[in-house]
């Protein structure tokens, strides 16, 4: 899966352009070990990706393809295909390493993919709202947030419990 995903991400010859894809590879801790961007996806310069993206959840369903429509705060939409792959373990006692691979494309190219024709899959009119990464995402109601956004102050409240991990100042 990873080799095929890597290859289709790099199939952009002048004059014979195909669907422009991006690729990301992450480990179970969320560390990014490979990024290829041919589709204009705004990856974070530092740190990981949004925990709501299915590339992090596919570890619960090893070796199964999971599709997801994504919507960024600026309204950009993407279609993502994610799956785990296993590396290592080639000799006695060698550890096996699970990693997740996701490829994706902008929504306007998604209709060319067989995965968008599945009626049982996610719907384009109900994308998952994600951010680039917690430190640069300003979605105030995100329950998966792990850090405050840059430039926002924590608003502690001793009298009520919020449904989100952090209450922070608005613009």
N, C-alpha and C. Protein backbone atom coordinates (compact mmCIF):
# COMPACT_ATOMS: atom_id res chain seq x y z
N UNK A 1 0.83 -1.20 0.00
CA UNK A 1 0.00 0.00 0.00
C UNK A 1 0.86 1.25 0.00
N UNK A 2 1.91 1.26 0.85
CA UNK A 2 2.74 2.46 0.94
C UNK A 2 3.46 2.76 -0.37
N UNK A 3 4.00 1.73 -1.02
CA UNK A 3 4.71 1.96 -2.28
C UNK A 3 3.77 2.49 -3.35
N UNK A 4 2.58 1.94 -3.43
CA UNK A 4 1.61 2.41 -4.41
C UNK A 4 1.19 3.85 -4.10
N UNK A 5 0.93 4.14 -2.83
CA UNK A 5 0.55 5.50 -2.43
C UNK A 5 1.65 6.49 -2.76
N UNK A 6 2.89 6.11 -2.48
CA UNK A 6 4.03 6.99 -2.78
C UNK A 6 4.10 7.24 -4.29
N UNK A 7 3.94 6.19 -5.07
CA UNK A 7 4.05 6.32 -6.53
C UNK A 7 2.95 7.21 -7.10
N UNK A 8 1.70 7.02 -6.70
CA UNK A 8 0.65 7.85 -7.31
C UNK A 8 0.72 9.30 -6.85
N UNK A 9 1.40 9.54 -5.73
CA UNK A 9 1.60 10.92 -5.28
C UNK A 9 2.59 11.65 -6.18
N UNK A 10 3.45 10.91 -6.85
CA UNK A 10 4.50 11.53 -7.67
C UNK A 10 4.21 11.44 -9.18
N UNK A 11 2.99 11.14 -9.58
CA UNK A 11 2.65 11.00 -11.01
C UNK A 11 2.20 12.32 -11.64
N UNK A 12 2.94 13.34 -11.54
CA UNK A 12 2.53 14.63 -12.08
C UNK A 12 3.52 15.12 -13.14
N UNK A 13 3.56 14.46 -14.27
CA UNK A 13 4.41 14.91 -15.37
C UNK A 13 3.72 16.02 -16.13
N UNK A 14 4.45 17.04 -16.54
CA UNK A 14 3.83 18.11 -17.33
C UNK A 14 3.18 17.54 -18.60
N UNK A 15 1.94 17.91 -18.82
CA UNK A 15 1.22 17.43 -19.99
C UNK A 15 0.41 16.18 -19.75
N UNK A 16 0.72 15.43 -18.71
CA UNK A 16 -0.06 14.21 -18.41
C UNK A 16 -0.38 14.15 -16.92
N UNK A 17 -0.89 15.26 -16.39
CA UNK A 17 -1.21 15.33 -14.98
C UNK A 17 -2.37 14.41 -14.63
N UNK A 18 -2.29 13.80 -13.48
CA UNK A 18 -3.34 12.93 -12.95
C UNK A 18 -3.94 13.61 -11.73
N UNK A 19 -4.67 12.86 -10.92
CA UNK A 19 -5.21 13.42 -9.68
C UNK A 19 -4.04 13.80 -8.78
N UNK A 20 -3.95 15.06 -8.36
CA UNK A 20 -2.86 15.45 -7.46
C UNK A 20 -3.14 14.97 -6.03
N UNK A 21 -2.25 14.13 -5.53
CA UNK A 21 -2.39 13.56 -4.20
C UNK A 21 -1.36 14.12 -3.23
N UNK A 22 -1.67 14.05 -1.94
CA UNK A 22 -0.68 14.24 -0.89
C UNK A 22 -0.57 12.93 -0.13
N UNK A 23 0.52 12.75 0.60
CA UNK A 23 0.75 11.53 1.38
C UNK A 23 1.34 11.90 2.72
N UNK A 24 0.91 11.19 3.75
CA UNK A 24 1.48 11.36 5.09
C UNK A 24 1.65 9.97 5.70
N UNK A 25 2.75 9.77 6.42
CA UNK A 25 2.97 8.52 7.16
C UNK A 25 3.21 8.89 8.62
N UNK A 26 2.47 8.26 9.53
CA UNK A 26 2.60 8.54 10.96
C UNK A 26 2.75 7.24 11.73
N UNK A 27 3.36 7.34 12.91
CA UNK A 27 3.44 6.19 13.80
C UNK A 27 2.33 6.30 14.85
N UNK A 28 2.16 5.29 15.70
CA UNK A 28 1.07 5.35 16.69
C UNK A 28 1.16 6.53 17.66
N UNK A 29 2.34 7.10 17.82
CA UNK A 29 2.49 8.26 18.70
C UNK A 29 2.16 9.58 18.00
N UNK A 30 1.85 9.51 16.70
CA UNK A 30 1.52 10.71 15.95
C UNK A 30 2.69 11.40 15.29
N UNK A 31 3.89 10.80 15.41
CA UNK A 31 5.07 11.39 14.77
C UNK A 31 4.97 11.20 13.26
N UNK A 32 5.22 12.25 12.52
CA UNK A 32 5.17 12.20 11.06
C UNK A 32 6.54 11.83 10.54
N UNK A 33 6.62 10.76 9.74
CA UNK A 33 7.91 10.33 9.21
C UNK A 33 8.01 10.47 7.69
N UNK A 34 6.92 10.81 7.03
CA UNK A 34 6.99 11.06 5.58
C UNK A 34 5.86 12.00 5.19
N UNK A 35 6.20 12.99 4.37
CA UNK A 35 5.22 13.93 3.83
C UNK A 35 5.53 14.16 2.36
N UNK A 36 4.56 14.01 1.52
CA UNK A 36 4.67 14.37 0.11
C UNK A 36 3.42 15.17 -0.22
N UNK A 37 3.59 16.34 -0.80
CA UNK A 37 2.42 17.15 -1.07
C UNK A 37 2.36 17.56 -2.53
N UNK A 38 1.45 16.95 -3.25
CA UNK A 38 1.21 17.34 -4.62
C UNK A 38 -0.19 17.90 -4.79
N UNK A 39 -0.90 18.09 -3.68
CA UNK A 39 -2.30 18.51 -3.75
C UNK A 39 -2.60 19.79 -3.00
N UNK A 40 -1.59 20.44 -2.44
CA UNK A 40 -1.81 21.69 -1.74
C UNK A 40 -2.40 21.56 -0.35
N UNK A 41 -2.21 20.42 0.31
CA UNK A 41 -2.71 20.27 1.67
C UNK A 41 -1.80 21.05 2.62
N UNK A 42 -2.37 21.87 3.51
CA UNK A 42 -1.55 22.72 4.38
C UNK A 42 -1.03 21.98 5.62
N UNK A 43 -0.01 21.17 5.44
CA UNK A 43 0.58 20.45 6.58
C UNK A 43 1.22 21.45 7.54
N UNK A 44 1.21 21.11 8.83
CA UNK A 44 1.86 21.95 9.84
C UNK A 44 3.38 21.90 9.64
N UNK A 45 4.02 23.02 9.85
CA UNK A 45 5.49 23.08 9.72
C UNK A 45 6.17 22.31 10.84
N UNK A 46 5.56 22.31 12.03
CA UNK A 46 6.12 21.62 13.19
C UNK A 46 5.00 20.86 13.89
N UNK A 47 5.35 19.75 14.48
CA UNK A 47 4.37 18.98 15.24
C UNK A 47 3.57 18.04 14.37
N UNK A 48 2.52 17.49 14.94
CA UNK A 48 1.72 16.49 14.26
C UNK A 48 0.55 17.07 13.49
N UNK A 49 -0.38 16.20 13.15
CA UNK A 49 -1.58 16.59 12.42
C UNK A 49 -2.78 16.52 13.35
N UNK A 50 -3.92 16.92 12.86
CA UNK A 50 -5.15 16.94 13.66
C UNK A 50 -5.54 15.53 14.11
N UNK A 51 -5.83 15.33 15.40
CA UNK A 51 -6.20 14.00 15.89
C UNK A 51 -7.55 13.51 15.37
N UNK A 52 -8.36 14.38 14.79
CA UNK A 52 -9.64 13.95 14.23
C UNK A 52 -9.50 13.34 12.84
N UNK A 53 -8.33 13.45 12.25
CA UNK A 53 -8.07 12.88 10.93
C UNK A 53 -7.94 11.36 11.08
N UNK A 54 -8.56 10.61 10.20
CA UNK A 54 -8.60 9.15 10.30
C UNK A 54 -7.23 8.48 10.21
N UNK A 55 -6.21 9.19 9.75
CA UNK A 55 -4.87 8.58 9.70
C UNK A 55 -4.42 8.17 11.10
N UNK A 56 -4.94 8.82 12.13
CA UNK A 56 -4.60 8.46 13.50
C UNK A 56 -5.50 7.35 14.05
N UNK A 57 -6.69 7.21 13.52
CA UNK A 57 -7.64 6.21 14.01
C UNK A 57 -7.52 4.85 13.36
N UNK A 58 -6.79 4.75 12.24
CA UNK A 58 -6.72 3.45 11.55
C UNK A 58 -5.94 2.41 12.33
N UNK A 59 -5.23 2.80 13.36
CA UNK A 59 -4.53 1.82 14.20
C UNK A 59 -5.54 0.91 14.92
N UNK A 60 -6.79 1.36 15.06
CA UNK A 60 -7.84 0.55 15.69
C UNK A 60 -8.37 -0.53 14.74
N UNK A 61 -8.16 -0.33 13.44
CA UNK A 61 -8.65 -1.28 12.42
C UNK A 61 -7.50 -1.61 11.48
N UNK A 62 -6.49 -2.35 11.94
CA UNK A 62 -5.29 -2.60 11.14
C UNK A 62 -5.61 -3.20 9.76
N UNK A 63 -4.87 -2.71 8.78
CA UNK A 63 -4.91 -3.20 7.40
C UNK A 63 -6.27 -3.05 6.71
N UNK A 64 -7.13 -2.21 7.25
CA UNK A 64 -8.40 -1.91 6.59
C UNK A 64 -8.36 -0.47 6.08
N UNK A 65 -8.89 -0.27 4.90
CA UNK A 65 -8.92 1.08 4.32
C UNK A 65 -10.06 1.87 4.94
N UNK A 66 -9.74 3.09 5.37
CA UNK A 66 -10.73 3.99 5.97
C UNK A 66 -10.73 5.27 5.16
N UNK A 67 -11.91 5.68 4.69
CA UNK A 67 -12.02 6.92 3.92
C UNK A 67 -12.66 8.00 4.78
N UNK A 68 -12.38 9.26 4.42
CA UNK A 68 -12.89 10.37 5.22
C UNK A 68 -12.89 11.64 4.39
N UNK A 69 -13.97 12.40 4.47
CA UNK A 69 -14.01 13.75 3.91
C UNK A 69 -13.54 14.70 5.00
N UNK A 70 -12.69 15.65 4.66
CA UNK A 70 -12.12 16.60 5.60
C UNK A 70 -12.48 18.02 5.20
N UNK A 71 -12.70 18.87 6.19
CA UNK A 71 -12.91 20.29 5.91
C UNK A 71 -12.06 21.11 6.86
N UNK A 72 -11.23 21.98 6.30
CA UNK A 72 -10.37 22.86 7.09
C UNK A 72 -11.13 24.11 7.49
N UNK A 73 -10.64 24.85 8.48
CA UNK A 73 -11.35 26.05 8.93
C UNK A 73 -11.60 27.09 7.83
N UNK A 74 -10.74 27.14 6.82
CA UNK A 74 -10.93 28.11 5.73
C UNK A 74 -11.90 27.62 4.66
N UNK A 75 -12.49 26.43 4.86
CA UNK A 75 -13.47 25.90 3.91
C UNK A 75 -12.91 24.93 2.88
N UNK A 76 -11.59 24.79 2.79
CA UNK A 76 -11.02 23.83 1.85
C UNK A 76 -11.46 22.43 2.24
N UNK A 77 -11.78 21.62 1.22
CA UNK A 77 -12.20 20.24 1.48
C UNK A 77 -11.27 19.27 0.76
N UNK A 78 -11.04 18.14 1.43
CA UNK A 78 -10.18 17.10 0.90
C UNK A 78 -10.83 15.75 1.15
N UNK A 79 -10.42 14.75 0.35
CA UNK A 79 -10.85 13.37 0.56
C UNK A 79 -9.62 12.57 0.91
N UNK A 80 -9.69 11.77 1.97
CA UNK A 80 -8.55 11.04 2.49
C UNK A 80 -8.82 9.54 2.51
N UNK A 81 -7.78 8.77 2.19
CA UNK A 81 -7.81 7.31 2.23
C UNK A 81 -6.66 6.88 3.13
N UNK A 82 -6.94 6.16 4.22
CA UNK A 82 -5.89 5.80 5.18
C UNK A 82 -5.91 4.30 5.46
N UNK A 83 -4.74 3.78 5.82
CA UNK A 83 -4.58 2.35 6.12
C UNK A 83 -3.27 2.16 6.89
N UNK A 84 -3.20 1.12 7.70
CA UNK A 84 -1.94 0.81 8.38
C UNK A 84 -1.09 -0.09 7.50
N UNK A 85 0.22 -0.01 7.73
CA UNK A 85 1.19 -0.91 7.09
C UNK A 85 2.14 -1.38 8.18
N UNK A 86 2.73 -2.54 7.99
CA UNK A 86 3.65 -3.11 8.97
C UNK A 86 5.04 -3.17 8.37
N UNK A 87 6.04 -2.78 9.15
CA UNK A 87 7.43 -2.84 8.71
C UNK A 87 8.23 -3.60 9.76
N UNK A 88 9.39 -4.08 9.37
CA UNK A 88 10.28 -4.76 10.30
C UNK A 88 9.84 -6.18 10.59
N UNK A 89 10.47 -6.76 11.59
CA UNK A 89 10.15 -8.12 11.99
C UNK A 89 10.66 -9.17 11.04
N UNK A 90 11.66 -8.82 10.23
CA UNK A 90 12.17 -9.75 9.24
C UNK A 90 13.05 -10.85 9.80
N UNK A 91 13.49 -10.71 11.03
CA UNK A 91 14.33 -11.75 11.62
C UNK A 91 13.84 -12.04 13.05
N UNK A 92 14.34 -13.12 13.61
CA UNK A 92 13.92 -13.53 14.95
C UNK A 92 14.19 -12.41 15.96
N UNK A 93 13.18 -12.06 16.71
CA UNK A 93 13.31 -11.06 17.75
C UNK A 93 13.25 -9.62 17.26
N UNK A 94 13.23 -9.39 15.96
CA UNK A 94 13.17 -8.02 15.44
C UNK A 94 11.76 -7.46 15.65
N UNK A 95 11.66 -6.23 16.12
CA UNK A 95 10.34 -5.66 16.36
C UNK A 95 9.60 -5.34 15.06
N UNK A 96 8.29 -5.50 15.10
CA UNK A 96 7.44 -5.10 13.99
C UNK A 96 6.89 -3.71 14.33
N UNK A 97 6.83 -2.86 13.35
CA UNK A 97 6.38 -1.49 13.55
C UNK A 97 5.15 -1.23 12.69
N UNK A 98 4.08 -0.78 13.33
CA UNK A 98 2.87 -0.38 12.59
C UNK A 98 2.95 1.11 12.31
N UNK A 99 2.64 1.47 11.10
CA UNK A 99 2.56 2.88 10.72
C UNK A 99 1.26 3.07 9.94
N UNK A 100 0.77 4.29 9.91
CA UNK A 100 -0.42 4.59 9.13
C UNK A 100 -0.03 5.46 7.95
N UNK A 101 -0.61 5.15 6.81
CA UNK A 101 -0.39 5.91 5.59
C UNK A 101 -1.73 6.52 5.20
N UNK A 102 -1.73 7.79 4.85
CA UNK A 102 -2.93 8.41 4.29
C UNK A 102 -2.54 9.13 3.02
N UNK A 103 -3.37 8.97 2.01
CA UNK A 103 -3.24 9.79 0.81
C UNK A 103 -4.54 10.55 0.67
N UNK A 104 -4.48 11.66 -0.01
CA UNK A 104 -5.69 12.44 -0.18
C UNK A 104 -5.57 13.37 -1.35
N UNK A 105 -6.71 13.94 -1.71
CA UNK A 105 -6.75 14.90 -2.81
C UNK A 105 -7.80 15.95 -2.48
N UNK A 106 -7.74 17.05 -3.21
CA UNK A 106 -8.73 18.10 -3.05
C UNK A 106 -10.10 17.57 -3.48
N UNK A 107 -11.15 18.10 -2.89
CA UNK A 107 -12.51 17.62 -3.14
C UNK A 107 -12.89 17.64 -4.61
N UNK A 108 -12.40 18.62 -5.36
CA UNK A 108 -12.79 18.71 -6.77
C UNK A 108 -12.25 17.56 -7.62
N UNK A 109 -11.26 16.83 -7.12
CA UNK A 109 -10.71 15.67 -7.84
C UNK A 109 -11.25 14.34 -7.31
N UNK A 110 -11.93 14.37 -6.18
CA UNK A 110 -12.34 13.13 -5.50
C UNK A 110 -13.31 12.28 -6.31
N UNK A 111 -14.12 12.89 -7.15
CA UNK A 111 -15.09 12.11 -7.94
C UNK A 111 -14.41 11.12 -8.89
N UNK A 112 -13.12 11.31 -9.16
CA UNK A 112 -12.37 10.41 -10.04
C UNK A 112 -11.92 9.14 -9.31
N UNK A 113 -12.12 9.09 -8.00
CA UNK A 113 -11.67 7.95 -7.20
C UNK A 113 -12.81 6.98 -6.94
N UNK A 114 -12.54 5.71 -7.01
CA UNK A 114 -13.55 4.68 -6.78
C UNK A 114 -14.08 4.74 -5.34
N UNK A 115 -13.26 5.18 -4.41
CA UNK A 115 -13.65 5.19 -2.99
C UNK A 115 -14.77 6.18 -2.68
N UNK A 116 -15.00 7.17 -3.54
CA UNK A 116 -16.07 8.12 -3.27
C UNK A 116 -17.42 7.63 -3.77
N UNK A 117 -17.45 6.52 -4.50
CA UNK A 117 -18.73 6.00 -5.02
C UNK A 117 -19.40 5.02 -4.07
N UNK A 118 -18.78 4.73 -2.95
CA UNK A 118 -19.32 3.78 -1.97
C UNK A 118 -20.40 4.45 -1.13
N UNK A 119 -21.64 3.97 -1.26
CA UNK A 119 -22.75 4.57 -0.52
C UNK A 119 -22.67 4.35 0.98
N UNK A 120 -21.91 3.34 1.42
CA UNK A 120 -21.81 3.06 2.85
C UNK A 120 -20.69 3.87 3.51
N UNK A 121 -19.89 4.57 2.72
CA UNK A 121 -18.77 5.35 3.25
C UNK A 121 -19.20 6.73 3.71
N UNK A 122 -18.23 7.55 4.08
CA UNK A 122 -18.54 8.91 4.53
C UNK A 122 -19.12 9.74 3.39
N UNK A 123 -19.92 10.72 3.74
CA UNK A 123 -20.59 11.55 2.74
C UNK A 123 -19.87 12.88 2.57
N UNK A 124 -19.85 13.36 1.34
CA UNK A 124 -19.19 14.63 1.03
C UNK A 124 -19.89 15.80 1.70
N UNK A 125 -21.20 15.68 1.95
CA UNK A 125 -21.92 16.79 2.57
C UNK A 125 -21.81 16.79 4.09
N UNK A 126 -21.06 15.84 4.65
CA UNK A 126 -20.84 15.79 6.10
C UNK A 126 -19.36 15.55 6.40
N UNK A 127 -18.49 16.50 5.99
CA UNK A 127 -17.06 16.30 6.23
C UNK A 127 -16.70 16.46 7.70
N UNK A 128 -15.59 15.85 8.10
CA UNK A 128 -15.07 16.01 9.45
C UNK A 128 -14.35 17.35 9.53
N UNK A 129 -14.75 18.23 10.45
CA UNK A 129 -14.03 19.50 10.58
C UNK A 129 -12.70 19.26 11.29
N UNK A 130 -11.61 19.51 10.59
CA UNK A 130 -10.29 19.33 11.18
C UNK A 130 -9.53 20.64 11.11
N UNK A 131 -8.41 20.68 11.81
CA UNK A 131 -7.47 21.79 11.69
C UNK A 131 -6.17 21.23 11.18
N UNK A 132 -5.22 22.10 10.93
CA UNK A 132 -3.92 21.63 10.46
C UNK A 132 -3.21 20.92 11.60
N UNK A 133 -3.18 21.53 12.76
CA UNK A 133 -2.62 20.98 14.00
C UNK A 133 -3.20 21.80 15.15
N UNK A 134 -3.22 21.27 16.34
CA UNK A 134 -3.85 21.95 17.47
C UNK A 134 -3.29 23.36 17.70
N UNK A 135 -1.99 23.53 17.55
CA UNK A 135 -1.37 24.82 17.84
C UNK A 135 -1.76 25.91 16.85
N UNK A 136 -2.23 25.54 15.67
CA UNK A 136 -2.63 26.55 14.68
C UNK A 136 -4.11 26.46 14.33
N UNK A 137 -4.87 25.68 15.08
CA UNK A 137 -6.31 25.54 14.85
C UNK A 137 -7.07 26.38 15.87
N UNK A 138 -8.00 27.16 15.38
CA UNK A 138 -8.76 28.04 16.27
C UNK A 138 -10.23 27.62 16.38
N UNK A 139 -10.51 26.32 16.19
CA UNK A 139 -11.88 25.82 16.36
C UNK A 139 -12.14 25.70 17.87
N UNK A 140 -13.02 26.53 18.43
CA UNK A 140 -13.20 26.56 19.89
C UNK A 140 -13.91 25.34 20.47
N UNK A 141 -14.67 24.60 19.68
CA UNK A 141 -15.46 23.49 20.22
C UNK A 141 -14.85 22.12 19.96
N UNK A 142 -13.57 22.05 19.68
CA UNK A 142 -12.93 20.77 19.37
C UNK A 142 -12.65 19.98 20.65
N UNK A 143 -13.27 18.81 20.75
CA UNK A 143 -13.08 17.96 21.93
C UNK A 143 -11.77 17.18 21.88
N UNK A 144 -11.11 17.16 20.72
CA UNK A 144 -9.86 16.40 20.57
C UNK A 144 -8.62 17.27 20.76
N UNK A 145 -8.80 18.52 21.08
CA UNK A 145 -7.68 19.46 21.20
C UNK A 145 -6.69 19.01 22.27
N UNK A 146 -5.39 19.06 21.93
CA UNK A 146 -4.36 18.68 22.90
C UNK A 146 -3.51 19.86 23.35
N UNK A 147 -3.61 20.98 22.65
CA UNK A 147 -2.84 22.17 23.01
C UNK A 147 -3.65 23.42 22.70
N UNK A 148 -3.31 24.49 23.40
CA UNK A 148 -3.92 25.78 23.10
C UNK A 148 -3.42 26.29 21.75
N UNK A 149 -4.25 27.03 21.02
CA UNK A 149 -3.76 27.65 19.79
C UNK A 149 -2.74 28.74 20.11
N UNK A 150 -1.80 28.92 19.23
CA UNK A 150 -0.81 29.99 19.38
C UNK A 150 -1.54 31.32 19.40
N UNK A 151 -1.17 32.19 20.32
CA UNK A 151 -1.76 33.52 20.40
C UNK A 151 -3.04 33.60 21.20
N UNK A 152 -3.48 32.51 21.78
CA UNK A 152 -4.70 32.53 22.59
C UNK A 152 -4.34 32.26 24.04
N UNK A 153 -5.09 32.87 24.94
CA UNK A 153 -4.85 32.67 26.37
C UNK A 153 -5.86 31.68 26.93
N UNK A 154 -5.40 30.88 27.89
CA UNK A 154 -6.27 29.95 28.58
C UNK A 154 -7.24 30.73 29.45
N UNK A 155 -8.51 30.36 29.41
CA UNK A 155 -9.52 30.99 30.25
C UNK A 155 -9.96 29.99 31.32
N UNK A 156 -9.29 30.01 32.48
CA UNK A 156 -9.67 29.07 33.53
C UNK A 156 -11.05 29.41 34.10
N UNK A 157 -11.79 28.40 34.46
CA UNK A 157 -13.10 28.61 35.06
C UNK A 157 -13.25 27.61 36.21
N UNK A 158 -13.24 28.12 37.43
CA UNK A 158 -13.32 27.27 38.61
C UNK A 158 -14.74 26.81 38.92
N UNK A 159 -15.74 27.33 38.21
CA UNK A 159 -17.12 27.06 38.59
C UNK A 159 -17.89 26.16 37.63
N UNK A 160 -17.33 25.89 36.48
CA UNK A 160 -18.01 24.98 35.56
C UNK A 160 -17.00 24.19 34.76
N UNK A 161 -17.42 23.03 34.34
CA UNK A 161 -16.56 22.16 33.54
C UNK A 161 -16.99 22.27 32.08
N UNK A 162 -16.03 22.50 31.21
CA UNK A 162 -16.32 22.62 29.79
C UNK A 162 -16.37 21.25 29.12
N UNK A 163 -17.04 21.17 28.00
CA UNK A 163 -17.10 19.92 27.24
C UNK A 163 -15.88 19.76 26.34
N UNK A 164 -15.02 20.76 26.32
CA UNK A 164 -13.79 20.72 25.52
C UNK A 164 -12.60 20.82 26.47
N UNK A 165 -11.43 20.32 26.06
CA UNK A 165 -10.28 20.30 26.97
C UNK A 165 -9.79 21.68 27.42
N UNK A 166 -9.92 22.69 26.55
CA UNK A 166 -9.41 24.02 26.87
C UNK A 166 -10.44 25.07 26.50
N UNK A 167 -10.66 26.00 27.42
CA UNK A 167 -11.40 27.20 27.08
C UNK A 167 -10.36 28.27 26.80
N UNK A 168 -10.48 28.94 25.67
CA UNK A 168 -9.47 29.95 25.35
C UNK A 168 -10.11 31.22 24.83
N UNK A 169 -9.33 32.30 24.88
CA UNK A 169 -9.82 33.61 24.47
C UNK A 169 -10.14 33.62 22.98
N UNK A 170 -11.10 34.47 22.61
CA UNK A 170 -11.45 34.59 21.19
C UNK A 170 -10.67 35.75 20.58
N UNK A 171 -10.92 35.97 19.29
CA UNK A 171 -10.18 37.03 18.57
C UNK A 171 -10.32 38.36 19.21
